[in-house]
N, C-alpha and C. Protein backbone atom coordinates (compact mmCIF):
# COMPACT_ATOMS: atom_id res chain seq x y z
N MET A 1 -36.69 -29.52 17.38
CA MET A 1 -35.38 -29.01 18.19
C MET A 1 -34.97 -27.81 17.46
N THR A 2 -34.60 -26.68 18.11
CA THR A 2 -33.73 -25.68 17.43
C THR A 2 -32.79 -25.24 18.41
N ILE A 3 -31.62 -24.75 17.92
CA ILE A 3 -30.59 -24.05 18.69
C ILE A 3 -31.26 -22.65 19.12
N LYS A 4 -31.07 -22.21 20.31
CA LYS A 4 -31.68 -20.94 20.66
C LYS A 4 -30.57 -19.88 20.83
N GLY A 5 -29.35 -20.26 21.06
CA GLY A 5 -28.31 -19.21 21.14
C GLY A 5 -26.93 -19.90 21.48
N LEU A 6 -25.90 -19.10 21.80
CA LEU A 6 -24.62 -19.54 22.20
C LEU A 6 -24.45 -19.00 23.67
N ASP A 7 -24.15 -20.02 24.54
CA ASP A 7 -23.82 -19.70 25.94
C ASP A 7 -22.41 -19.31 26.23
N HIS A 8 -21.66 -20.11 25.76
CA HIS A 8 -20.16 -19.85 25.86
C HIS A 8 -19.32 -20.44 24.78
N LEU A 9 -18.07 -20.03 24.62
CA LEU A 9 -17.18 -20.72 23.65
C LEU A 9 -15.80 -20.86 24.63
N VAL A 10 -14.99 -21.64 24.07
CA VAL A 10 -13.57 -21.81 24.76
C VAL A 10 -12.51 -21.39 23.82
N LEU A 11 -11.59 -20.60 24.46
CA LEU A 11 -10.44 -20.22 23.65
C LEU A 11 -9.12 -20.86 24.45
N THR A 12 -8.31 -21.51 23.79
CA THR A 12 -7.10 -22.02 24.28
C THR A 12 -6.09 -20.84 24.11
N VAL A 13 -5.48 -20.42 25.04
CA VAL A 13 -4.46 -19.37 24.98
C VAL A 13 -3.11 -19.68 25.55
N ALA A 14 -2.10 -18.99 25.11
CA ALA A 14 -0.80 -19.12 25.66
C ALA A 14 -0.64 -18.45 27.01
N ASP A 15 -1.30 -17.39 27.19
CA ASP A 15 -1.20 -16.60 28.47
C ASP A 15 -2.38 -16.09 28.90
N ILE A 16 -3.03 -16.67 30.09
CA ILE A 16 -4.28 -16.31 30.49
C ILE A 16 -4.37 -14.80 30.94
N GLU A 17 -3.25 -14.33 31.62
CA GLU A 17 -3.26 -12.92 31.92
C GLU A 17 -3.18 -11.99 30.87
N ALA A 18 -2.36 -12.20 29.79
CA ALA A 18 -2.24 -11.16 28.63
C ALA A 18 -3.65 -11.38 28.00
N THR A 19 -4.27 -12.43 27.82
CA THR A 19 -5.52 -12.57 27.27
C THR A 19 -6.63 -11.75 27.99
N CYS A 20 -6.68 -11.82 29.41
CA CYS A 20 -7.62 -11.16 30.19
C CYS A 20 -7.36 -9.67 30.02
N ASP A 21 -6.13 -9.19 30.10
CA ASP A 21 -5.79 -7.88 29.97
C ASP A 21 -6.36 -7.33 28.59
N PHE A 22 -6.17 -7.92 27.51
CA PHE A 22 -6.60 -7.47 26.30
C PHE A 22 -8.23 -7.51 26.23
N TYR A 23 -8.87 -8.53 26.65
CA TYR A 23 -10.34 -8.71 26.41
C TYR A 23 -11.05 -7.58 27.37
N VAL A 24 -10.37 -7.36 28.72
CA VAL A 24 -11.03 -6.51 29.58
C VAL A 24 -10.60 -5.11 29.34
N ARG A 25 -9.44 -4.70 29.07
CA ARG A 25 -9.06 -3.35 28.88
C ARG A 25 -9.33 -2.85 27.45
N VAL A 26 -9.34 -3.71 26.44
CA VAL A 26 -9.79 -3.17 25.06
C VAL A 26 -10.98 -3.45 24.71
N LEU A 27 -11.62 -4.52 25.09
CA LEU A 27 -13.03 -4.79 24.57
C LEU A 27 -13.90 -4.66 25.89
N GLY A 28 -13.55 -4.30 27.03
CA GLY A 28 -14.58 -4.04 28.17
C GLY A 28 -15.25 -5.31 28.71
N MET A 29 -14.76 -6.35 28.54
CA MET A 29 -15.36 -7.68 29.06
C MET A 29 -15.07 -7.71 30.55
N ILE A 30 -15.74 -8.65 31.30
CA ILE A 30 -15.50 -8.86 32.62
C ILE A 30 -14.87 -10.05 32.88
N ARG A 31 -13.69 -10.16 33.68
CA ARG A 31 -13.08 -11.24 34.07
C ARG A 31 -13.88 -11.90 35.21
N GLU A 32 -13.96 -13.13 35.16
CA GLU A 32 -14.65 -14.01 36.03
C GLU A 32 -13.94 -15.30 36.40
N THR A 33 -13.97 -15.65 37.74
CA THR A 33 -13.34 -16.89 38.18
C THR A 33 -14.47 -17.71 38.54
N PHE A 34 -14.42 -19.08 38.09
CA PHE A 34 -15.50 -20.03 38.40
C PHE A 34 -14.91 -21.37 38.66
N ALA A 35 -15.59 -22.28 39.18
CA ALA A 35 -15.49 -23.71 39.33
C ALA A 35 -13.92 -24.10 39.56
N GLY A 36 -13.72 -23.45 40.88
CA GLY A 36 -12.23 -23.78 41.50
C GLY A 36 -11.11 -23.22 40.72
N GLY A 37 -11.36 -21.99 40.35
CA GLY A 37 -10.29 -21.36 39.81
C GLY A 37 -10.06 -21.13 38.16
N ARG A 38 -11.10 -21.60 37.54
CA ARG A 38 -10.96 -21.45 36.13
C ARG A 38 -11.30 -20.10 35.65
N THR A 39 -11.01 -19.59 34.65
CA THR A 39 -11.05 -18.15 34.24
C THR A 39 -12.08 -18.10 32.86
N ALA A 40 -12.98 -17.02 33.05
CA ALA A 40 -13.82 -16.80 31.83
C ALA A 40 -13.73 -15.22 31.66
N LEU A 41 -14.36 -14.90 30.64
CA LEU A 41 -14.51 -13.38 30.19
C LEU A 41 -16.00 -13.29 29.76
N GLN A 42 -16.79 -12.50 30.56
CA GLN A 42 -18.18 -12.24 30.43
C GLN A 42 -18.37 -11.06 29.67
N PHE A 43 -19.43 -11.10 28.80
CA PHE A 43 -19.91 -10.05 28.03
C PHE A 43 -21.45 -10.40 27.67
N GLY A 44 -22.27 -9.45 27.82
CA GLY A 44 -23.71 -9.70 27.59
C GLY A 44 -24.17 -10.78 28.42
N SER A 45 -24.83 -11.69 27.77
CA SER A 45 -25.37 -12.96 28.35
C SER A 45 -24.36 -14.16 27.89
N GLN A 46 -23.29 -13.82 27.41
CA GLN A 46 -22.38 -14.89 27.00
C GLN A 46 -21.08 -14.82 27.71
N LYS A 47 -20.20 -15.79 27.43
CA LYS A 47 -18.84 -15.83 28.10
C LYS A 47 -17.89 -16.66 27.09
N ILE A 48 -16.49 -16.24 27.49
CA ILE A 48 -15.57 -17.08 26.84
C ILE A 48 -14.76 -17.74 27.95
N ASN A 49 -14.67 -19.09 27.99
CA ASN A 49 -13.94 -19.84 28.97
C ASN A 49 -12.42 -19.90 28.50
N LEU A 50 -11.55 -19.69 29.17
CA LEU A 50 -10.17 -19.71 28.78
C LEU A 50 -9.42 -21.06 29.22
N HIS A 51 -8.81 -21.77 28.34
CA HIS A 51 -7.83 -22.85 28.66
C HIS A 51 -6.47 -22.35 28.52
N GLN A 52 -5.74 -22.68 29.60
CA GLN A 52 -4.15 -22.43 29.26
C GLN A 52 -3.59 -23.49 28.25
N ALA A 53 -2.97 -23.27 27.43
CA ALA A 53 -2.32 -24.18 26.43
C ALA A 53 -1.47 -25.22 27.28
N GLY A 54 -1.76 -26.43 26.99
CA GLY A 54 -1.04 -27.56 27.50
C GLY A 54 -1.55 -27.82 28.92
N LYS A 55 -2.57 -27.20 29.57
CA LYS A 55 -3.21 -27.58 30.71
C LYS A 55 -4.75 -27.41 30.56
N GLU A 56 -5.20 -27.77 29.20
CA GLU A 56 -6.59 -27.63 28.89
C GLU A 56 -7.51 -28.58 29.93
N PHE A 57 -8.79 -28.19 30.14
CA PHE A 57 -9.66 -29.06 30.77
C PHE A 57 -10.33 -29.88 29.83
N GLU A 58 -10.75 -31.11 30.21
CA GLU A 58 -11.37 -32.18 29.47
C GLU A 58 -12.80 -32.17 29.60
N PRO A 59 -13.62 -32.41 28.60
CA PRO A 59 -13.20 -32.59 27.13
C PRO A 59 -12.55 -31.46 26.55
N LYS A 60 -11.94 -31.46 25.52
CA LYS A 60 -11.43 -30.33 24.84
C LYS A 60 -11.40 -30.46 23.29
N ALA A 61 -11.21 -29.49 22.59
CA ALA A 61 -11.10 -29.56 21.11
C ALA A 61 -9.93 -30.56 20.85
N LEU A 62 -10.07 -31.24 19.72
CA LEU A 62 -9.14 -32.28 19.14
C LEU A 62 -7.77 -31.65 19.12
N LYS A 63 -7.73 -30.41 18.46
CA LYS A 63 -6.48 -29.69 18.29
C LYS A 63 -6.56 -28.37 18.82
N ALA A 64 -6.60 -28.21 20.17
CA ALA A 64 -6.69 -27.02 20.71
C ALA A 64 -5.22 -26.26 20.67
N THR A 65 -5.49 -25.10 19.99
CA THR A 65 -4.30 -24.29 19.77
C THR A 65 -4.45 -22.85 19.81
N PRO A 66 -3.57 -22.18 20.56
CA PRO A 66 -3.66 -20.66 20.64
C PRO A 66 -3.64 -19.96 19.33
N GLY A 67 -4.53 -19.11 19.12
CA GLY A 67 -4.32 -18.25 17.89
C GLY A 67 -5.11 -18.84 16.64
N SER A 68 -5.88 -19.96 17.00
CA SER A 68 -6.64 -20.39 15.78
C SER A 68 -8.10 -19.95 15.58
N GLY A 69 -8.50 -19.02 16.47
CA GLY A 69 -9.90 -18.46 16.53
C GLY A 69 -10.06 -17.34 15.54
N ASP A 70 -11.37 -17.25 15.19
CA ASP A 70 -11.87 -16.19 14.31
C ASP A 70 -13.19 -15.73 14.81
N LEU A 71 -13.22 -14.73 15.66
CA LEU A 71 -14.24 -14.37 16.45
C LEU A 71 -14.99 -13.04 16.07
N CYS A 72 -16.25 -12.83 15.90
CA CYS A 72 -16.92 -11.69 15.57
C CYS A 72 -17.85 -11.31 16.76
N PHE A 73 -17.61 -10.03 17.32
CA PHE A 73 -18.45 -9.55 18.47
C PHE A 73 -19.25 -8.26 17.91
N VAL A 74 -20.44 -8.39 18.19
CA VAL A 74 -21.47 -7.05 17.89
C VAL A 74 -21.19 -6.06 18.92
N VAL A 75 -20.95 -4.81 18.41
CA VAL A 75 -20.64 -3.64 19.23
C VAL A 75 -21.77 -2.57 19.17
N ASP A 76 -22.01 -1.70 19.88
CA ASP A 76 -23.07 -0.69 19.67
C ASP A 76 -22.53 0.44 18.78
N ASP A 77 -21.20 0.61 18.56
CA ASP A 77 -20.72 1.85 17.82
C ASP A 77 -19.34 1.42 17.30
N VAL A 78 -19.27 0.88 16.19
CA VAL A 78 -17.98 0.38 15.50
C VAL A 78 -17.08 1.50 15.24
N ARG A 79 -17.45 2.70 15.02
CA ARG A 79 -16.43 3.85 14.78
C ARG A 79 -15.94 4.08 16.11
N ALA A 80 -16.65 4.23 17.12
CA ALA A 80 -16.02 4.52 18.29
C ALA A 80 -15.03 3.42 18.78
N MET A 81 -15.38 2.06 18.54
CA MET A 81 -14.53 1.01 18.77
C MET A 81 -13.15 1.18 18.04
N GLN A 82 -13.27 1.58 16.76
CA GLN A 82 -12.17 1.71 16.01
C GLN A 82 -11.27 2.89 16.61
N GLU A 83 -11.71 3.95 17.12
CA GLU A 83 -11.06 4.89 17.65
C GLU A 83 -10.42 4.49 18.91
N ARG A 84 -11.13 3.70 19.71
CA ARG A 84 -10.55 3.21 20.92
C ARG A 84 -9.34 2.43 20.68
N LEU A 85 -9.39 1.43 19.63
CA LEU A 85 -8.29 0.63 19.16
C LEU A 85 -7.05 1.41 18.86
N ASP A 86 -7.41 2.60 18.09
CA ASP A 86 -6.34 3.47 17.76
C ASP A 86 -5.63 4.15 19.03
N GLU A 87 -6.46 4.57 19.96
CA GLU A 87 -6.07 5.22 21.14
C GLU A 87 -5.16 4.32 21.95
N LEU A 88 -5.57 3.02 21.90
CA LEU A 88 -4.84 2.08 22.76
C LEU A 88 -3.58 1.61 22.12
N GLY A 89 -3.39 1.92 20.85
CA GLY A 89 -2.27 1.46 20.01
C GLY A 89 -2.44 -0.02 19.57
N ILE A 90 -3.74 -0.41 19.50
CA ILE A 90 -3.81 -1.86 18.89
C ILE A 90 -3.88 -1.77 17.33
N VAL A 91 -3.08 -2.65 16.81
CA VAL A 91 -2.83 -2.70 15.31
C VAL A 91 -4.24 -3.23 14.85
N ILE A 92 -4.75 -2.38 13.72
CA ILE A 92 -6.05 -2.60 13.06
C ILE A 92 -5.53 -3.40 11.72
N VAL A 93 -6.22 -4.55 11.53
CA VAL A 93 -6.09 -5.30 10.44
C VAL A 93 -6.74 -4.81 9.16
N ASP A 94 -8.16 -4.41 9.45
CA ASP A 94 -8.95 -3.85 8.37
C ASP A 94 -9.94 -2.86 9.06
N ARG A 95 -10.23 -1.82 8.33
CA ARG A 95 -10.84 -0.71 8.98
C ARG A 95 -12.18 -0.47 8.36
N LEU A 96 -13.24 -0.52 9.02
CA LEU A 96 -14.65 -0.22 8.56
C LEU A 96 -15.08 -0.71 7.15
N ILE A 97 -15.15 -2.04 7.06
CA ILE A 97 -15.25 -2.80 5.87
C ILE A 97 -16.75 -3.30 5.95
N ALA A 98 -17.55 -3.40 4.97
CA ALA A 98 -18.78 -4.02 4.96
C ALA A 98 -18.77 -5.43 4.77
N ARG A 99 -19.47 -6.12 5.55
CA ARG A 99 -19.55 -7.63 5.69
C ARG A 99 -20.92 -7.94 5.80
N THR A 100 -21.25 -9.30 5.85
CA THR A 100 -22.55 -9.84 6.20
C THR A 100 -22.46 -10.69 7.40
N GLY A 101 -23.49 -10.13 8.32
CA GLY A 101 -23.47 -10.96 9.70
C GLY A 101 -24.65 -12.04 9.69
N ALA A 102 -24.83 -12.53 10.80
CA ALA A 102 -25.83 -13.64 10.95
C ALA A 102 -27.13 -13.13 10.56
N VAL A 103 -27.71 -11.80 10.71
CA VAL A 103 -28.90 -11.39 10.54
C VAL A 103 -29.02 -10.20 9.57
N GLY A 104 -27.91 -9.92 8.78
CA GLY A 104 -27.92 -8.78 7.94
C GLY A 104 -26.57 -8.11 7.76
N PRO A 105 -26.58 -6.91 7.10
CA PRO A 105 -25.34 -6.42 6.72
C PRO A 105 -24.69 -5.80 8.03
N ILE A 106 -23.33 -5.76 8.11
CA ILE A 106 -22.61 -5.19 9.22
C ILE A 106 -21.38 -4.41 8.63
N LEU A 107 -21.10 -3.51 9.50
CA LEU A 107 -19.71 -2.64 9.16
C LEU A 107 -18.74 -3.21 10.30
N SER A 108 -17.54 -3.66 9.79
CA SER A 108 -16.66 -4.27 10.81
C SER A 108 -15.34 -3.61 10.66
N VAL A 109 -14.63 -3.82 11.84
CA VAL A 109 -13.03 -3.40 12.12
C VAL A 109 -12.65 -4.73 12.51
N TYR A 110 -11.19 -4.96 12.22
CA TYR A 110 -10.59 -6.13 12.54
C TYR A 110 -9.08 -5.83 13.29
N CYS A 111 -9.05 -6.72 14.33
CA CYS A 111 -7.66 -6.59 14.97
C CYS A 111 -7.35 -8.09 15.34
N ARG A 112 -6.31 -8.12 16.24
CA ARG A 112 -5.92 -9.47 16.75
C ARG A 112 -5.72 -9.34 18.20
N ASP A 113 -5.97 -10.52 18.87
CA ASP A 113 -5.68 -10.58 20.19
C ASP A 113 -4.36 -10.94 20.55
N PRO A 114 -3.79 -11.25 21.74
CA PRO A 114 -2.36 -11.52 22.10
C PRO A 114 -2.01 -12.88 21.53
N ASP A 115 -2.97 -13.88 21.20
CA ASP A 115 -2.54 -15.12 20.60
C ASP A 115 -2.50 -15.10 19.06
N GLY A 116 -3.04 -13.87 18.51
CA GLY A 116 -3.18 -13.86 16.98
C GLY A 116 -4.62 -14.27 16.61
N ASN A 117 -5.67 -14.56 17.45
CA ASN A 117 -6.98 -14.74 17.05
C ASN A 117 -7.40 -13.52 16.32
N LEU A 118 -8.05 -13.78 15.27
CA LEU A 118 -8.71 -12.58 14.50
C LEU A 118 -9.95 -12.19 15.19
N ILE A 119 -10.09 -10.93 15.50
CA ILE A 119 -11.18 -10.37 16.38
C ILE A 119 -11.87 -9.33 15.38
N GLU A 120 -13.18 -9.64 15.06
CA GLU A 120 -13.99 -8.80 14.27
C GLU A 120 -15.06 -8.03 15.15
N LEU A 121 -14.98 -6.67 15.08
CA LEU A 121 -15.77 -5.89 15.96
C LEU A 121 -16.84 -5.28 14.82
N SER A 122 -18.16 -5.62 15.04
CA SER A 122 -19.07 -5.26 14.16
C SER A 122 -20.36 -4.54 14.66
N GLU A 123 -20.96 -3.68 13.62
CA GLU A 123 -22.12 -3.08 14.07
C GLU A 123 -23.19 -3.21 13.00
N TYR A 124 -24.36 -3.72 13.20
CA TYR A 124 -25.45 -4.00 12.22
C TYR A 124 -25.84 -2.67 11.73
N GLU A 125 -25.98 -2.48 10.38
CA GLU A 125 -26.31 -1.35 9.62
C GLU A 125 -27.92 -1.15 9.60
């Protein structure tokens, strides 16, 4: 048996609307409503399901807390993404820094979402 990929992950957030605004407006994800009103953010063949803090769906993480995530997304042009963040007034934590991704060297830029989750946007070199 081997793991083939990641289907979705869950973020617990303080404000679903603010979270959706950031991920849709800034990162270009698609907002999706599913399963009787639940909210997700779609990108590629993956998605992020959102849980409202204090109203999480069961089962959930043992300590579901807004702002405790550290996520890395692969983008097609990290320099263009950095420019977009600047244009939108998003505070950049680190600019164009070399890191190691799952399958090799990446160039990354870091920012934070409305809950303070660290968002790494990376391009494979």
